[in-house]
C-alpha cells in the first residue's frame, strides 16, 4: 500500500534534482541518460529515500504488532510482539511483566527507527 507514497517522494526528489545546474550541464555535455541517472540523480535522492524507508519501518512494525495482537497477523506459534502482548494480557493482573517487556521492546524498536531516520535526515541536510 505504500508504493504510491514511495513513488511520490522519489518523483518529487528527482524533479528537484533534475532542475539543478549540474544535471543540466551533464545533459548539455552529451552524457547518456543512464550516466546522469547513476552519477547525478541517484546519489542526490538516496538520503531522502533512506529517510523515508527508515520512518516507514516504524509504521510497518507497529502495524504487524497490531495485526498479530488482533489475531490477524503471524500465526500463534511463531514469535511476534503482538502475540506476546495478547498472550500476556490473559494474565495481566498476576504477571504484568508479560505485557510490559514486549510492549517496551516494540516501543524502543520503533523509537530507534524514527530517531535513526531523523539523524540521517539531519546529517544529509547539513544541520
C-alpha atoms as a PDB file:
ATOM      1  CA  UNK A   1       0.000   0.000   0.000  1.00  0.00           C
ATOM      2  CA  UNK A   2       2.959   2.329   0.356  1.00  0.00           C
ATOM      3  CA  UNK A   3       4.104   2.157  -3.267  1.00  0.00           C
ATOM      4  CA  UNK A   4       2.264   5.380  -4.248  1.00  0.00           C
ATOM      5  CA  UNK A   5       3.865   7.247  -1.338  1.00  0.00           C
ATOM      6  CA  UNK A   6       7.348   5.968  -2.240  1.00  0.00           C
ATOM      7  CA  UNK A   7       6.784   6.894  -5.878  1.00  0.00           C
ATOM      8  CA  UNK A   8       5.606  10.375  -4.905  1.00  0.00           C
ATOM      9  CA  UNK A   9       8.676  11.002  -2.714  1.00  0.00           C
ATOM     10  CA  UNK A  10      11.043   9.637  -5.374  1.00  0.00           C
ATOM     11  CA  UNK A  11       9.406  11.685  -8.125  1.00  0.00           C
ATOM     12  CA  UNK A  12       9.489  14.943  -6.187  1.00  0.00           C
ATOM     13  CA  UNK A  13      13.125  14.418  -5.216  1.00  0.00           C
ATOM     14  CA  UNK A  14      14.035  13.543  -8.804  1.00  0.00           C
ATOM     15  CA  UNK A  15      12.272  16.596 -10.200  1.00  0.00           C
ATOM     16  CA  UNK A  16      14.084  18.803  -7.698  1.00  0.00           C
ATOM     17  CA  UNK A  17      17.488  17.350  -8.625  1.00  0.00           C
ATOM     18  CA  UNK A  18      16.918  17.376 -12.404  1.00  0.00           C
ATOM     19  CA  UNK A  19      16.313  21.113 -12.334  1.00  0.00           C
ATOM     20  CA  UNK A  20      19.726  21.772 -10.774  1.00  0.00           C
ATOM     21  CA  UNK A  21      22.509  23.258 -12.900  1.00  0.00           C
ATOM     22  CA  UNK A  22      24.915  20.304 -12.645  1.00  0.00           C
ATOM     23  CA  UNK A  23      22.314  17.945 -14.176  1.00  0.00           C
ATOM     24  CA  UNK A  24      21.558  20.414 -16.950  1.00  0.00           C
ATOM     25  CA  UNK A  25      25.299  20.778 -17.585  1.00  0.00           C
ATOM     26  CA  UNK A  26      25.650  16.997 -17.828  1.00  0.00           C
ATOM     27  CA  UNK A  27      22.769  16.890 -20.318  1.00  0.00           C
ATOM     28  CA  UNK A  28      24.318  19.665 -22.414  1.00  0.00           C
ATOM     29  CA  UNK A  29      27.696  17.933 -22.419  1.00  0.00           C
ATOM     30  CA  UNK A  30      26.095  14.926 -24.102  1.00  0.00           C
ATOM     31  CA  UNK A  31      26.182  12.420 -21.257  1.00  0.00           C
ATOM     32  CA  UNK A  32      23.805   9.491 -21.761  1.00  0.00           C
ATOM     33  CA  UNK A  33      20.673   9.393 -19.599  1.00  0.00           C
ATOM     34  CA  UNK A  34      21.844   6.355 -17.623  1.00  0.00           C
ATOM     35  CA  UNK A  35      25.092   8.085 -16.638  1.00  0.00           C
ATOM     36  CA  UNK A  36      23.192  11.180 -15.495  1.00  0.00           C
ATOM     37  CA  UNK A  37      20.854   8.956 -13.513  1.00  0.00           C
ATOM     38  CA  UNK A  38      23.636   6.939 -11.850  1.00  0.00           C
ATOM     39  CA  UNK A  39      26.146   9.723 -11.205  1.00  0.00           C
ATOM     40  CA  UNK A  40      23.985  12.755 -10.506  1.00  0.00           C
ATOM     41  CA  UNK A  41      20.379  11.926  -9.688  1.00  0.00           C
ATOM     42  CA  UNK A  42      20.586   8.668  -7.689  1.00  0.00           C
ATOM     43  CA  UNK A  43      23.218   9.842  -5.178  1.00  0.00           C
ATOM     44  CA  UNK A  44      21.225  13.010  -4.518  1.00  0.00           C
ATOM     45  CA  UNK A  45      17.863  11.317  -3.898  1.00  0.00           C
ATOM     46  CA  UNK A  46      19.258   8.404  -1.851  1.00  0.00           C
ATOM     47  CA  UNK A  47      19.257  10.255   1.520  1.00  0.00           C
ATOM     48  CA  UNK A  48      15.595  11.223   1.145  1.00  0.00           C
ATOM     49  CA  UNK A  49      14.602   7.715   0.162  1.00  0.00           C
ATOM     50  CA  UNK A  50      16.617   6.221   3.042  1.00  0.00           C
ATOM     51  CA  UNK A  51      14.929   8.586   5.484  1.00  0.00           C
ATOM     52  CA  UNK A  52      11.517   7.668   4.113  1.00  0.00           C
ATOM     53  CA  UNK A  53      12.309   3.953   4.403  1.00  0.00           C
ATOM     54  CA  UNK A  54      13.528   4.243   7.997  1.00  0.00           C
ATOM     55  CA  UNK A  55      10.469   6.181   9.089  1.00  0.00           C
ATOM     56  CA  UNK A  56       8.252   3.689   7.269  1.00  0.00           C
ATOM     57  CA  UNK A  57       9.829   0.788   9.160  1.00  0.00           C
ATOM     58  CA  UNK A  58       8.303   2.059  12.404  1.00  0.00           C
ATOM     59  CA  UNK A  59       4.871   2.073  10.796  1.00  0.00           C
ATOM     60  CA  UNK A  60       5.359  -1.451   9.467  1.00  0.00           C
ATOM     61  CA  UNK A  61       6.476  -2.779  12.870  1.00  0.00           C
ATOM     62  CA  UNK A  62       3.518  -1.231  14.687  1.00  0.00           C
ATOM     63  CA  UNK A  63       1.095  -2.492  12.029  1.00  0.00           C
ATOM     64  CA  UNK A  64       2.449  -6.035  12.285  1.00  0.00           C
ATOM     65  CA  UNK A  65       2.223  -5.931  16.075  1.00  0.00           C
ATOM     66  CA  UNK A  66      -1.357  -4.651  15.966  1.00  0.00           C
ATOM     67  CA  UNK A  67      -2.442  -7.276  13.445  1.00  0.00           C
ATOM     68  CA  UNK A  68      -0.795 -10.041  15.463  1.00  0.00           C
ATOM     69  CA  UNK A  69      -2.444  -8.735  18.638  1.00  0.00           C
ATOM     70  CA  UNK A  70      -5.821  -8.955  16.912  1.00  0.00           C
ATOM     71  CA  UNK A  71      -5.053 -12.463  15.660  1.00  0.00           C
ATOM     72  CA  UNK A  72      -4.785 -11.415  12.008  1.00  0.00           C
ATOM     73  CA  UNK A  73      -1.001 -11.399  11.688  1.00  0.00           C
ATOM     74  CA  UNK A  74       1.647 -14.008  12.325  1.00  0.00           C
ATOM     75  CA  UNK A  75       0.194 -17.386  13.421  1.00  0.00           C
ATOM     76  CA  UNK A  76       0.339 -18.108  17.161  1.00  0.00           C
ATOM     77  CA  UNK A  77       3.322 -20.494  17.416  1.00  0.00           C
ATOM     78  CA  UNK A  78       5.634 -18.019  15.674  1.00  0.00           C
ATOM     79  CA  UNK A  79       7.052 -15.244  17.860  1.00  0.00           C
ATOM     80  CA  UNK A  80       5.609 -11.777  17.422  1.00  0.00           C
ATOM     81  CA  UNK A  81       5.404  -8.868  19.821  1.00  0.00           C
ATOM     82  CA  UNK A  82       1.692  -8.562  19.136  1.00  0.00           C
ATOM     83  CA  UNK A  83       1.168 -12.251  20.001  1.00  0.00           C
ATOM     84  CA  UNK A  84       3.258 -11.885  23.142  1.00  0.00           C
ATOM     85  CA  UNK A  85       1.249  -8.876  24.294  1.00  0.00           C
ATOM     86  CA  UNK A  86      -2.024 -10.692  23.592  1.00  0.00           C
ATOM     87  CA  UNK A  87      -0.923 -13.807  25.493  1.00  0.00           C
ATOM     88  CA  UNK A  88       0.329 -11.702  28.408  1.00  0.00           C
ATOM     89  CA  UNK A  89      -2.988  -9.872  28.534  1.00  0.00           C
ATOM     90  CA  UNK A  90      -4.683 -13.072  29.693  1.00  0.00           C
ATOM     91  CA  UNK A  91      -2.752 -12.958  32.976  1.00  0.00           C
ATOM     92  CA  UNK A  92      -2.267  -9.209  33.289  1.00  0.00           C
ATOM     93  CA  UNK A  93      -3.294  -8.960  36.935  1.00  0.00           C
ATOM     94  CA  UNK A  94      -0.982 -11.789  38.054  1.00  0.00           C
ATOM     95  CA  UNK A  95       2.109 -11.056  35.919  1.00  0.00           C
ATOM     96  CA  UNK A  96       2.061  -7.600  34.293  1.00  0.00           C
ATOM     97  CA  UNK A  97       5.648  -8.029  33.091  1.00  0.00           C
ATOM     98  CA  UNK A  98       4.437 -10.429  30.396  1.00  0.00           C
ATOM     99  CA  UNK A  99       2.818  -7.416  28.714  1.00  0.00           C
ATOM    100  CA  UNK A 100       5.379  -4.809  29.745  1.00  0.00           C
ATOM    101  CA  UNK A 101       8.523  -6.338  28.184  1.00  0.00           C
ATOM    102  CA  UNK A 102       7.155  -6.960  24.656  1.00  0.00           C
ATOM    103  CA  UNK A 103       5.489  -3.533  24.720  1.00  0.00           C
ATOM    104  CA  UNK A 104       8.756  -1.862  25.722  1.00  0.00           C
ATOM    105  CA  UNK A 105      10.657  -3.799  23.052  1.00  0.00           C
ATOM    106  CA  UNK A 106       8.152  -2.641  20.436  1.00  0.00           C
ATOM    107  CA  UNK A 107       8.355   0.945  21.671  1.00  0.00           C
ATOM    108  CA  UNK A 108      12.158   1.032  21.751  1.00  0.00           C
ATOM    109  CA  UNK A 109      12.474  -0.516  18.284  1.00  0.00           C
ATOM    110  CA  UNK A 110      10.046   1.920  16.685  1.00  0.00           C
ATOM    111  CA  UNK A 111      11.649   4.839  18.514  1.00  0.00           C
ATOM    112  CA  UNK A 112      15.097   3.714  17.329  1.00  0.00           C
ATOM    113  CA  UNK A 113      13.995   3.611  13.689  1.00  0.00           C
ATOM    114  CA  UNK A 114      12.387   7.053  13.973  1.00  0.00           C
ATOM    115  CA  UNK A 115      15.449   8.588  15.624  1.00  0.00           C
ATOM    116  CA  UNK A 116      17.757   6.950  13.086  1.00  0.00           C
ATOM    117  CA  UNK A 117      15.638   8.360  10.246  1.00  0.00           C
ATOM    118  CA  UNK A 118      15.736  11.839  11.767  1.00  0.00           C
ATOM    119  CA  UNK A 119      19.506  11.623  12.268  1.00  0.00           C
ATOM    120  CA  UNK A 120      20.015  10.537   8.654  1.00  0.00           C
ATOM    121  CA  UNK A 121      17.897  13.480   7.508  1.00  0.00           C
ATOM    122  CA  UNK A 122      19.811  15.918   9.700  1.00  0.00           C
ATOM    123  CA  UNK A 123      23.230  14.604   8.631  1.00  0.00           C
ATOM    124  CA  UNK A 124      22.381  14.678   4.941  1.00  0.00           C
ATOM    125  CA  UNK A 125      20.873  18.153   5.068  1.00  0.00           C
ATOM    126  CA  UNK A 126      23.888  19.574   6.911  1.00  0.00           C
ATOM    127  CA  UNK A 127      22.152  20.561  10.164  1.00  0.00           C
END
